[in-house]
Amino acid sequence: CLHRAEYGFWFSPYPIHDQGVQWYYDEFKEGMVNGEKSPQYCHKPDHSFGLMKEHIPDCKFILCMRNPITRAFSAWNHYVAVWPKSKPWGIFDVKKSFYENLLDVELQESFLFAGCYNWAIKRILLLYSMEQLHFVVQERLVSKNKEIMQEEWDKIADFLGITKRRVYQSYIHDRHYPEPMSSSARDFLNGYYYQH
């Protein structure tokens, strides 16, 4: 069985962090494979994985990576779609195009760098062994080709040591964008991520 805590971000600088290690342990069920999820951990891997190593040295990690170009464009579209709720996130200027936003150096150092997975992986490997990491390509995990999708879930089950089960997915975030990514934006992102 697999149990996922409803709370995340314990190892990042969020209020939950103040409740302590025992509180965190109490969120999980005994006798089960337990886990949680957060992309935030890879944004500051030295801090978050350092604390994990101190308190949970034998845990395993599933790192789910998406094509960084489509990840960036998806995040932009999500930001625009939920505007003005997204205003406090402070990432983009909705008055500008996606491409115009990409030219902002500050945005490149924060938002775009999140797609440079190799940097975070190298930092994690300073603390944990490769045997404790499992890499998943997001596009395969949510593939509409059921065989490809099931194969990825089976690999996760093997990695966690749990029974393989048939997975039925719903695509709750399978949204269409108002307009396609411009060739200028795609060329820029190809160049940016190629160097990484």
Protein backbone atom coordinates (compact mmCIF):
# COMPACT_ATOMS: atom_id res chain seq x y z
CA CYS A 1 0.00 0.00 0.00
CA LEU A 2 1.06 3.54 -0.59
CA HIS A 3 0.05 6.46 1.57
CA ARG A 4 0.72 10.10 0.75
CA ALA A 5 0.63 12.76 3.42
CA GLU A 6 -1.72 15.59 2.66
CA TYR A 7 0.88 18.10 3.78
CA GLY A 8 3.99 19.04 1.91
CA PHE A 9 6.82 21.49 2.18
CA TRP A 10 8.07 20.44 5.60
CA PHE A 11 11.65 20.69 4.46
CA SER A 12 11.24 24.08 2.84
CA PRO A 13 10.83 27.40 4.66
CA TYR A 14 7.07 27.13 5.16
CA PRO A 15 5.04 27.41 8.40
CA ILE A 16 4.66 23.60 8.54
CA HIS A 17 8.39 23.41 9.14
CA ASP A 18 7.88 24.92 12.60
CA GLN A 19 5.80 21.95 13.77
CA GLY A 20 8.78 19.65 13.99
CA VAL A 21 10.01 16.24 12.95
CA GLN A 22 7.71 14.20 15.17
CA TRP A 23 4.66 15.99 13.79
CA TYR A 24 5.88 15.13 10.31
CA TYR A 25 6.35 11.45 11.19
CA ASP A 26 2.88 11.35 12.74
CA GLU A 27 1.35 12.34 9.39
CA PHE A 28 2.26 8.94 7.95
CA LYS A 29 0.76 5.51 8.52
CA GLU A 30 2.80 2.67 9.95
CA GLY A 31 3.25 -0.46 7.87
CA MET A 32 2.83 1.36 4.57
CA VAL A 33 5.09 2.95 2.01
CA ASN A 34 4.67 6.63 2.76
CA GLY A 35 5.45 9.67 0.70
CA GLU A 36 4.70 13.22 -0.23
CA LYS A 37 5.39 15.49 -3.17
CA SER A 38 6.72 18.93 -3.83
CA PRO A 39 8.65 20.51 -6.70
CA GLN A 40 9.91 23.04 -4.16
CA TYR A 41 12.53 20.64 -2.79
CA CYS A 42 14.63 20.86 -5.93
CA HIS A 43 14.63 24.65 -5.88
CA LYS A 44 16.84 24.66 -2.77
CA PRO A 45 18.26 21.14 -2.71
CA ASP A 46 21.12 21.84 -0.28
CA HIS A 47 18.66 23.03 2.36
CA SER A 48 15.79 20.60 1.86
CA PHE A 49 17.74 17.43 1.04
CA GLY A 50 20.28 18.27 3.75
CA LEU A 51 17.51 18.22 6.37
CA MET A 52 16.05 15.05 4.88
CA LYS A 53 19.45 13.36 5.07
CA GLU A 54 19.71 14.30 8.73
CA HIS A 55 16.28 12.94 9.68
CA ILE A 56 15.41 10.34 7.00
CA PRO A 57 18.70 9.03 5.56
CA ASP A 58 17.21 5.90 3.95
CA CYS A 59 14.32 7.48 2.03
CA LYS A 60 13.87 7.24 -1.72
CA PHE A 61 13.14 9.98 -4.22
CA ILE A 62 11.19 10.00 -7.44
CA LEU A 63 12.30 12.93 -9.55
CA CYS A 64 9.74 13.72 -12.19
CA MET A 65 11.11 15.81 -15.03
CA ARG A 66 9.26 17.36 -17.90
CA ASN A 67 10.59 18.76 -21.15
CA PRO A 68 11.78 22.13 -19.79
CA ILE A 69 10.55 24.02 -22.84
CA THR A 70 6.97 22.78 -22.55
CA ARG A 71 7.19 23.12 -18.75
CA ALA A 72 8.01 26.82 -19.10
CA PHE A 73 5.22 27.45 -21.60
CA SER A 74 2.72 25.52 -19.48
CA ALA A 75 3.63 27.57 -16.41
CA TRP A 76 3.17 30.79 -18.39
CA ASN A 77 -0.27 29.70 -19.59
CA HIS A 78 -1.30 28.67 -16.09
CA TYR A 79 -0.14 32.02 -14.72
CA VAL A 80 -2.18 33.91 -17.32
CA ALA A 81 -5.24 31.64 -16.98
CA VAL A 82 -5.58 32.22 -13.24
CA TRP A 83 -4.74 35.94 -13.35
CA PRO A 84 -5.23 38.02 -11.13
CA LYS A 85 -4.97 35.25 -8.53
CA SER A 86 -1.39 34.67 -9.75
CA LYS A 87 -0.35 38.31 -9.31
CA PRO A 88 1.37 37.71 -5.92
CA TRP A 89 3.56 35.01 -7.49
CA GLY A 90 5.45 37.82 -9.18
CA ILE A 91 6.87 35.76 -12.03
CA PHE A 92 5.56 37.28 -15.24
CA ASP A 93 4.29 40.55 -16.64
CA VAL A 94 0.96 39.65 -18.24
CA LYS A 95 1.04 42.82 -20.34
CA LYS A 96 3.96 41.32 -22.27
CA SER A 97 4.09 38.25 -24.48
CA PHE A 98 5.63 35.00 -23.31
CA TYR A 99 8.71 35.72 -25.43
CA GLU A 100 9.09 39.25 -24.07
CA ASN A 101 8.97 37.83 -20.54
CA LEU A 102 11.70 35.33 -21.40
CA LEU A 103 14.11 38.16 -22.18
CA ASP A 104 13.96 39.37 -18.56
CA VAL A 105 17.28 38.30 -16.97
CA GLU A 106 15.72 38.05 -13.50
CA LEU A 107 13.09 35.67 -14.84
CA GLN A 108 15.80 33.54 -16.45
CA GLU A 109 17.65 33.25 -13.15
CA SER A 110 14.57 32.08 -11.27
CA PHE A 111 11.77 30.70 -13.40
CA LEU A 112 13.82 29.24 -16.28
CA PHE A 113 16.51 27.85 -14.04
CA ALA A 114 13.89 25.58 -12.45
CA GLY A 115 14.02 23.54 -15.67
CA CYS A 116 17.77 22.95 -15.33
CA TYR A 117 17.33 19.60 -13.61
CA ASN A 118 20.98 18.58 -13.84
CA TRP A 119 22.01 21.20 -11.29
CA ALA A 120 19.56 19.94 -8.65
CA ILE A 121 20.39 16.28 -9.34
CA LYS A 122 24.12 16.92 -8.84
CA ARG A 123 23.38 18.60 -5.50
CA ILE A 124 21.13 15.71 -4.37
CA LEU A 125 23.80 13.16 -5.30
CA LEU A 126 26.19 14.82 -2.87
CA LEU A 127 23.86 13.58 -0.11
CA TYR A 128 22.11 10.48 -1.43
CA SER A 129 23.20 7.54 -3.56
CA MET A 130 21.95 6.95 -7.10
CA GLU A 131 20.16 3.83 -5.82
CA GLN A 132 17.87 6.10 -3.80
CA LEU A 133 16.82 8.10 -6.87
CA HIS A 134 14.36 7.17 -9.58
CA PHE A 135 13.94 9.40 -12.61
CA VAL A 136 10.65 9.74 -14.43
CA VAL A 137 9.95 11.58 -17.66
CA GLN A 138 6.62 13.34 -17.13
CA GLU A 139 5.55 12.97 -20.75
CA ARG A 140 5.83 9.18 -20.43
CA LEU A 141 4.11 9.06 -17.05
CA VAL A 142 1.01 10.84 -18.37
CA SER A 143 1.18 9.43 -21.90
CA LYS A 144 -2.14 8.69 -23.53
CA ASN A 145 -0.46 5.55 -24.85
CA LYS A 146 -1.59 3.24 -22.04
CA GLU A 147 1.33 0.83 -22.46
CA ILE A 148 3.95 3.58 -22.11
CA MET A 149 2.12 5.09 -19.14
CA GLN A 150 1.71 1.73 -17.38
CA GLU A 151 5.38 0.88 -17.95
CA GLU A 152 6.41 4.03 -16.08
CA TRP A 153 4.08 3.30 -13.17
CA ASP A 154 5.42 -0.27 -13.02
CA LYS A 155 8.98 1.07 -12.76
CA ILE A 156 7.89 3.27 -9.87
CA ALA A 157 6.30 0.27 -8.12
CA ASP A 158 9.51 -1.73 -8.56
CA PHE A 159 11.59 1.14 -7.20
CA LEU A 160 9.37 1.50 -4.12
CA GLY A 161 9.02 -2.26 -3.61
CA ILE A 162 5.22 -2.20 -3.83
CA THR A 163 2.80 -4.36 -5.79
CA LYS A 164 2.25 -3.33 -9.40
CA ARG A 165 -1.30 -2.31 -10.19
CA ARG A 166 -3.11 -1.28 -13.31
CA VAL A 167 -3.23 2.51 -13.39
CA TYR A 168 -6.19 4.45 -14.78
CA GLN A 169 -5.46 8.10 -15.28
CA SER A 170 -7.65 11.11 -15.65
CA TYR A 171 -6.17 14.18 -17.31
CA ILE A 172 -7.37 16.98 -15.08
CA HIS A 173 -4.81 19.48 -16.36
CA ASP A 174 -5.09 18.54 -20.02
CA ARG A 175 -5.84 22.08 -21.13
CA HIS A 176 -5.50 23.79 -24.47
CA TYR A 177 -3.58 27.04 -24.76
CA PRO A 178 -5.14 30.17 -26.30
CA GLU A 179 -2.27 30.34 -28.79
CA PRO A 180 0.77 28.20 -29.61
CA MET A 181 4.27 29.04 -28.48
CA SER A 182 5.92 31.47 -30.88
CA SER A 183 8.94 30.31 -32.88
CA SER A 184 10.97 33.12 -31.24
CA ALA A 185 10.16 31.80 -27.76
CA ARG A 186 10.86 28.19 -28.78
CA ASP A 187 14.21 29.14 -30.35
CA PHE A 188 15.15 31.12 -27.25
CA LEU A 189 14.28 28.25 -24.92
CA ASN A 190 16.08 25.70 -27.10
CA GLY A 191 19.21 27.83 -26.83
CA TYR A 192 18.81 28.44 -23.11
CA TYR A 193 18.33 24.79 -22.18
CA TYR A 194 20.85 23.44 -24.68
CA GLN A 195 23.68 24.96 -22.65
CA HIS A 196 22.46 23.10 -19.56
